[in-house]
Amino acid sequence: MTLLLLEALGALLILLLIVWWTMFSGRPKGELPPDAHTDADAEAAPRKGDANSK
């Protein structure tokens, strides 16, 4: 029984390591602030009042 609990704990630790790695290994300072959008994002979305948007 103890061996099963240790194996489950090990699997949980590996899962948490994978989740942490995928969330925080991409950017050196974490996620960008919400107001830091690129110009490509602004150009891709149609704006209200543009002549081309109908």
Protein backbone atom coordinates (compact mmCIF):
# COMPACT_ATOMS: atom_id res chain seq x y z
CA MET A 1 0.00 0.00 0.00
CA THR A 2 2.82 2.39 0.85
CA LEU A 3 4.46 1.66 -2.47
CA LEU A 4 1.26 2.62 -4.32
CA LEU A 5 1.04 5.90 -2.41
CA LEU A 6 4.68 6.70 -3.19
CA GLU A 7 4.12 5.92 -6.85
CA ALA A 8 1.02 8.14 -6.94
CA LEU A 9 2.96 10.94 -5.22
CA GLY A 10 5.79 10.57 -7.74
CA ALA A 11 3.34 10.72 -10.65
CA LEU A 12 1.74 13.84 -9.16
CA LEU A 13 5.14 15.51 -8.76
CA ILE A 14 6.03 14.70 -12.37
CA LEU A 15 2.69 16.13 -13.52
CA LEU A 16 3.24 19.32 -11.53
CA LEU A 17 6.75 19.63 -12.94
CA ILE A 18 5.45 19.31 -16.50
CA VAL A 19 2.73 21.90 -15.88
CA TRP A 20 5.19 24.30 -14.25
CA TRP A 21 7.69 23.82 -17.07
CA THR A 22 5.13 24.53 -19.80
CA MET A 23 3.73 27.59 -18.03
CA PHE A 24 6.89 29.38 -16.91
CA SER A 25 9.80 28.32 -19.10
CA GLY A 26 8.90 30.41 -22.17
CA ARG A 27 9.59 33.98 -21.05
CA PRO A 28 12.45 35.01 -18.78
CA LYS A 29 10.25 37.47 -16.83
CA GLY A 30 6.93 35.62 -17.07
CA GLU A 31 3.90 36.78 -19.00
CA LEU A 32 3.62 40.14 -20.71
CA PRO A 33 1.41 42.75 -19.06
CA PRO A 34 -2.13 42.93 -20.51
CA ASP A 35 -1.56 46.34 -22.14
CA ALA A 36 1.54 45.24 -24.10
CA HIS A 37 -0.02 44.27 -27.43
CA THR A 38 1.95 44.09 -30.64
CA ASP A 39 1.13 46.06 -33.76
CA ALA A 40 0.22 42.84 -35.56
CA ASP A 41 -2.52 42.16 -32.99
CA ALA A 42 -3.91 45.66 -33.43
CA GLU A 43 -3.92 45.40 -37.22
CA ALA A 44 -5.54 41.96 -37.27
CA ALA A 45 -8.64 43.04 -35.34
CA PRO A 46 -11.09 45.28 -37.21
CA ARG A 47 -11.79 48.52 -35.41
CA LYS A 48 -15.20 50.06 -34.94
CA GLY A 49 -15.76 52.94 -37.32
CA ASP A 50 -13.25 51.86 -39.98
CA ALA A 51 -14.29 52.37 -43.58
CA ASN A 52 -13.65 48.69 -44.39
CA SER A 53 -15.64 47.21 -41.49
CA LYS A 54 -19.32 46.70 -42.17
